[in-house]
Amino acid sequence: MRKAQAKKLPLAPDPRFNDKLVTRFVNNIMWQGKKSVAYDIFYDAIDKVGKQTGEEGYEIWKRALSNVTPAVEVRSRRIGGATFQIPSEVRADRKISLSMKWLIRYSRERNGRSMADKLANEIVAAAKGEGAAFKKKEDTHRMAEANKAFAHFKV
């Protein structure tokens, strides 16, 4: 018998934009429990995005996040001794989680001086529909499209 699923703790909105999504993003940036450092990195990046584009940095970050959000993904499923990649819709909560993790991961892999610089550049690229995080989303969608023939194996 399975145990009950863990309850999600409510997130406090961030101090600057009063948005829970920002808090969630900062929690993903954070390493070793250093939340204030993560907030500094995020706010610096948002300011740099604003300077680079001449628009509101927060709005561009939201656009970048929505551009990187996947709609479908492939899941491995073993059927009759063979493993198939089966395309499936992504849950709303997982969509946000994946897009944040991809943005942060590919920011870390970028070249640049500080994490704030790298994050700012990745946000700008994602907002334009470029960059590694956006490419990851496109690849995920392409994989799902290529394996559409196995969609009838859905769980």
C-alpha atoms as a PDB file:
ATOM      1  CA  MET A   1       0.000   0.000   0.000  1.00  0.00           C
ATOM      2  CA  ARG A   2       1.303   3.447  -0.930  1.00  0.00           C
ATOM      3  CA  LYS A   3       1.754   6.281   1.487  1.00  0.00           C
ATOM      4  CA  ALA A   4       0.084   9.632   0.945  1.00  0.00           C
ATOM      5  CA  GLN A   5       1.839  12.095  -1.343  1.00  0.00           C
ATOM      6  CA  ALA A   6       3.849  14.838   0.362  1.00  0.00           C
ATOM      7  CA  LYS A   7       2.027  18.129   0.786  1.00  0.00           C
ATOM      8  CA  LYS A   8       3.355  21.110  -1.158  1.00  0.00           C
ATOM      9  CA  LEU A   9       4.492  23.884   1.141  1.00  0.00           C
ATOM     10  CA  PRO A  10       3.090  27.286   0.211  1.00  0.00           C
ATOM     11  CA  LEU A  11       5.749  29.638  -1.181  1.00  0.00           C
ATOM     12  CA  ALA A  12       6.167  33.197   0.061  1.00  0.00           C
ATOM     13  CA  PRO A  13       6.120  35.787  -2.744  1.00  0.00           C
ATOM     14  CA  ASP A  14       9.430  37.508  -3.412  1.00  0.00           C
ATOM     15  CA  PRO A  15      10.039  40.985  -1.917  1.00  0.00           C
ATOM     16  CA  ARG A  16      10.546  42.933  -5.167  1.00  0.00           C
ATOM     17  CA  PHE A  17       7.900  41.677  -7.605  1.00  0.00           C
ATOM     18  CA  ASN A  18       5.576  40.012  -5.069  1.00  0.00           C
ATOM     19  CA  ASP A  19       5.470  36.908  -7.270  1.00  0.00           C
ATOM     20  CA  LYS A  20       5.585  33.287  -6.097  1.00  0.00           C
ATOM     21  CA  LEU A  21       7.004  32.229  -9.471  1.00  0.00           C
ATOM     22  CA  VAL A  22      10.112  34.335  -8.788  1.00  0.00           C
ATOM     23  CA  THR A  23      10.547  32.635  -5.400  1.00  0.00           C
ATOM     24  CA  ARG A  24      10.295  29.251  -7.099  1.00  0.00           C
ATOM     25  CA  PHE A  25      12.894  30.309  -9.677  1.00  0.00           C
ATOM     26  CA  VAL A  26      15.254  31.610  -6.975  1.00  0.00           C
ATOM     27  CA  ASN A  27      14.857  28.325  -5.049  1.00  0.00           C
ATOM     28  CA  ASN A  28      16.079  26.544  -8.188  1.00  0.00           C
ATOM     29  CA  ILE A  29      19.081  28.883  -8.560  1.00  0.00           C
ATOM     30  CA  MET A  30      20.022  28.473  -4.902  1.00  0.00           C
ATOM     31  CA  TRP A  31      23.002  26.356  -3.877  1.00  0.00           C
ATOM     32  CA  GLN A  32      23.795  25.225  -0.326  1.00  0.00           C
ATOM     33  CA  GLY A  33      20.814  27.089   1.159  1.00  0.00           C
ATOM     34  CA  LYS A  34      22.168  30.527   0.208  1.00  0.00           C
ATOM     35  CA  LYS A  35      18.886  32.169  -0.682  1.00  0.00           C
ATOM     36  CA  SER A  36      20.010  35.800  -0.344  1.00  0.00           C
ATOM     37  CA  VAL A  37      22.863  35.121  -2.789  1.00  0.00           C
ATOM     38  CA  ALA A  38      20.355  33.516  -5.183  1.00  0.00           C
ATOM     39  CA  TYR A  39      18.062  36.571  -4.901  1.00  0.00           C
ATOM     40  CA  ASP A  40      21.028  38.873  -5.626  1.00  0.00           C
ATOM     41  CA  ILE A  41      21.903  36.831  -8.721  1.00  0.00           C
ATOM     42  CA  PHE A  42      18.293  36.884  -9.965  1.00  0.00           C
ATOM     43  CA  TYR A  43      17.691  40.608  -9.364  1.00  0.00           C
ATOM     44  CA  ASP A  44      21.058  41.531 -10.948  1.00  0.00           C
ATOM     45  CA  ALA A  45      20.172  39.419 -13.973  1.00  0.00           C
ATOM     46  CA  ILE A  46      16.742  41.059 -14.283  1.00  0.00           C
ATOM     47  CA  ASP A  47      18.340  44.537 -14.088  1.00  0.00           C
ATOM     48  CA  LYS A  48      20.895  43.574 -16.758  1.00  0.00           C
ATOM     49  CA  VAL A  49      18.124  42.218 -18.994  1.00  0.00           C
ATOM     50  CA  GLY A  50      16.295  45.537 -18.597  1.00  0.00           C
ATOM     51  CA  LYS A  51      19.425  47.500 -19.567  1.00  0.00           C
ATOM     52  CA  GLN A  52      20.209  45.242 -22.550  1.00  0.00           C
ATOM     53  CA  THR A  53      16.744  45.336 -24.066  1.00  0.00           C
ATOM     54  CA  GLY A  54      15.373  48.672 -22.880  1.00  0.00           C
ATOM     55  CA  GLU A  55      12.195  46.934 -21.742  1.00  0.00           C
ATOM     56  CA  GLU A  56      10.997  45.761 -18.330  1.00  0.00           C
ATOM     57  CA  GLY A  57      13.348  42.939 -17.275  1.00  0.00           C
ATOM     58  CA  TYR A  58      10.643  41.115 -15.305  1.00  0.00           C
ATOM     59  CA  GLU A  59       8.332  40.940 -18.352  1.00  0.00           C
ATOM     60  CA  ILE A  60      11.147  39.622 -20.534  1.00  0.00           C
ATOM     61  CA  TRP A  61      11.929  36.953 -17.919  1.00  0.00           C
ATOM     62  CA  LYS A  62       8.274  35.859 -17.971  1.00  0.00           C
ATOM     63  CA  ARG A  63       8.302  35.764 -21.785  1.00  0.00           C
ATOM     64  CA  ALA A  64      11.537  33.744 -21.742  1.00  0.00           C
ATOM     65  CA  LEU A  65      10.030  31.299 -19.265  1.00  0.00           C
ATOM     66  CA  SER A  66       6.909  30.827 -21.411  1.00  0.00           C
ATOM     67  CA  ASN A  67       9.067  30.370 -24.558  1.00  0.00           C
ATOM     68  CA  VAL A  68      11.052  27.594 -22.860  1.00  0.00           C
ATOM     69  CA  THR A  69       7.997  25.805 -21.400  1.00  0.00           C
ATOM     70  CA  PRO A  70       7.428  22.410 -23.068  1.00  0.00           C
ATOM     71  CA  ALA A  71       3.956  21.097 -23.964  1.00  0.00           C
ATOM     72  CA  VAL A  72       4.905  17.457 -24.607  1.00  0.00           C
ATOM     73  CA  GLU A  73       7.739  15.163 -23.603  1.00  0.00           C
ATOM     74  CA  VAL A  74       8.726  11.568 -24.225  1.00  0.00           C
ATOM     75  CA  ARG A  75       8.691   8.924 -21.505  1.00  0.00           C
ATOM     76  CA  SER A  76      10.341   5.542 -21.748  1.00  0.00           C
ATOM     77  CA  ARG A  77       7.986   2.592 -21.396  1.00  0.00           C
ATOM     78  CA  ARG A  78       8.860  -1.056 -21.678  1.00  0.00           C
ATOM     79  CA  ILE A  79       6.378  -3.016 -23.768  1.00  0.00           C
ATOM     80  CA  GLY A  80       6.881  -6.626 -24.819  1.00  0.00           C
ATOM     81  CA  GLY A  81      10.626  -6.638 -24.217  1.00  0.00           C
ATOM     82  CA  ALA A  82      11.255  -3.422 -26.177  1.00  0.00           C
ATOM     83  CA  THR A  83      11.576   0.073 -24.776  1.00  0.00           C
ATOM     84  CA  PHE A  84       9.538   2.756 -26.542  1.00  0.00           C
ATOM     85  CA  GLN A  85       9.706   6.527 -26.219  1.00  0.00           C
ATOM     86  CA  ILE A  86       6.074   7.451 -25.712  1.00  0.00           C
ATOM     87  CA  PRO A  87       5.002  11.095 -26.150  1.00  0.00           C
ATOM     88  CA  SER A  88       2.857  12.451 -23.339  1.00  0.00           C
ATOM     89  CA  GLU A  89       1.439  15.793 -22.246  1.00  0.00           C
ATOM     90  CA  VAL A  90       3.359  17.560 -19.489  1.00  0.00           C
ATOM     91  CA  ARG A  91       1.512  18.391 -16.256  1.00  0.00           C
ATOM     92  CA  ALA A  92       1.155  22.138 -15.565  1.00  0.00           C
ATOM     93  CA  ASP A  93       3.365  21.993 -12.482  1.00  0.00           C
ATOM     94  CA  ARG A  94       6.068  20.018 -14.285  1.00  0.00           C
ATOM     95  CA  LYS A  95       6.013  22.420 -17.268  1.00  0.00           C
ATOM     96  CA  ILE A  96       7.046  25.311 -15.031  1.00  0.00           C
ATOM     97  CA  SER A  97       9.589  23.177 -13.213  1.00  0.00           C
ATOM     98  CA  LEU A  98      11.233  21.978 -16.439  1.00  0.00           C
ATOM     99  CA  SER A  99      11.385  25.448 -17.990  1.00  0.00           C
ATOM    100  CA  MET A 100      13.023  26.915 -14.865  1.00  0.00           C
ATOM    101  CA  LYS A 101      15.533  24.085 -14.568  1.00  0.00           C
ATOM    102  CA  TRP A 102      16.462  24.324 -18.248  1.00  0.00           C
ATOM    103  CA  LEU A 103      16.935  28.119 -18.093  1.00  0.00           C
ATOM    104  CA  ILE A 104      19.173  27.821 -15.031  1.00  0.00           C
ATOM    105  CA  ARG A 105      21.102  24.779 -16.285  1.00  0.00           C
ATOM    106  CA  TYR A 106      21.949  26.317 -19.639  1.00  0.00           C
ATOM    107  CA  SER A 107      22.772  29.645 -17.978  1.00  0.00           C
ATOM    108  CA  ARG A 108      25.360  27.859 -15.842  1.00  0.00           C
ATOM    109  CA  GLU A 109      26.867  26.248 -18.941  1.00  0.00           C
ATOM    110  CA  ARG A 110      27.234  29.609 -20.740  1.00  0.00           C
ATOM    111  CA  ASN A 111      30.418  31.644 -20.929  1.00  0.00           C
ATOM    112  CA  GLY A 112      30.476  34.791 -18.831  1.00  0.00           C
ATOM    113  CA  ARG A 113      31.948  36.396 -15.766  1.00  0.00           C
ATOM    114  CA  SER A 114      29.189  36.075 -13.189  1.00  0.00           C
ATOM    115  CA  MET A 115      26.103  33.902 -12.889  1.00  0.00           C
ATOM    116  CA  ALA A 116      23.990  37.068 -13.158  1.00  0.00           C
ATOM    117  CA  ASP A 117      25.585  37.855 -16.560  1.00  0.00           C
ATOM    118  CA  LYS A 118      25.086  34.309 -17.795  1.00  0.00           C
ATOM    119  CA  LEU A 119      21.473  34.182 -16.575  1.00  0.00           C
ATOM    120  CA  ALA A 120      20.714  37.579 -18.132  1.00  0.00           C
ATOM    121  CA  ASN A 121      22.116  36.467 -21.503  1.00  0.00           C
ATOM    122  CA  GLU A 122      20.168  33.202 -21.431  1.00  0.00           C
ATOM    123  CA  ILE A 123      16.939  35.042 -20.509  1.00  0.00           C
ATOM    124  CA  VAL A 124      17.374  37.497 -23.399  1.00  0.00           C
ATOM    125  CA  ALA A 125      18.135  34.650 -25.811  1.00  0.00           C
ATOM    126  CA  ALA A 126      15.130  32.600 -24.623  1.00  0.00           C
ATOM    127  CA  ALA A 127      12.820  35.621 -24.923  1.00  0.00           C
ATOM    128  CA  LYS A 128      13.903  35.992 -28.570  1.00  0.00           C
ATOM    129  CA  GLY A 129      13.375  32.267 -29.204  1.00  0.00           C
ATOM    130  CA  GLU A 130      17.077  31.438 -29.273  1.00  0.00           C
ATOM    131  CA  GLY A 131      19.568  29.960 -26.824  1.00  0.00           C
ATOM    132  CA  ALA A 132      20.237  26.506 -25.442  1.00  0.00           C
ATOM    133  CA  ALA A 133      17.164  26.341 -23.181  1.00  0.00           C
ATOM    134  CA  PHE A 134      14.848  27.143 -26.117  1.00  0.00           C
ATOM    135  CA  LYS A 135      16.714  24.577 -28.252  1.00  0.00           C
ATOM    136  CA  LYS A 136      16.105  21.966 -25.528  1.00  0.00           C
ATOM    137  CA  LYS A 137      12.356  22.646 -25.708  1.00  0.00           C
ATOM    138  CA  GLU A 138      12.403  22.388 -29.503  1.00  0.00           C
ATOM    139  CA  ASP A 139      14.351  19.102 -29.316  1.00  0.00           C
ATOM    140  CA  THR A 140      11.872  17.721 -26.775  1.00  0.00           C
ATOM    141  CA  HIS A 141       8.944  18.617 -29.050  1.00  0.00           C
ATOM    142  CA  ARG A 142      10.748  17.131 -32.072  1.00  0.00           C
ATOM    143  CA  MET A 143      11.343  13.882 -30.157  1.00  0.00           C
ATOM    144  CA  ALA A 144       7.672  13.681 -29.231  1.00  0.00           C
ATOM    145  CA  GLU A 145       6.657  14.354 -32.842  1.00  0.00           C
ATOM    146  CA  ALA A 146       9.022  11.673 -34.147  1.00  0.00           C
ATOM    147  CA  ASN A 147       7.598   9.094 -31.725  1.00  0.00           C
ATOM    148  CA  LYS A 148       3.956   9.994 -32.354  1.00  0.00           C
ATOM    149  CA  ALA A 149       3.411   6.502 -33.777  1.00  0.00           C
ATOM    150  CA  PHE A 150       3.749   5.072 -30.250  1.00  0.00           C
ATOM    151  CA  ALA A 151       1.188   7.442 -28.691  1.00  0.00           C
ATOM    152  CA  HIS A 152      -1.373   4.626 -28.461  1.00  0.00           C
ATOM    153  CA  PHE A 153       0.798   2.968 -25.771  1.00  0.00           C
ATOM    154  CA  LYS A 154      -0.038   5.794 -23.349  1.00  0.00           C
ATOM    155  CA  VAL A 155      -0.223   4.877 -19.675  1.00  0.00           C
END
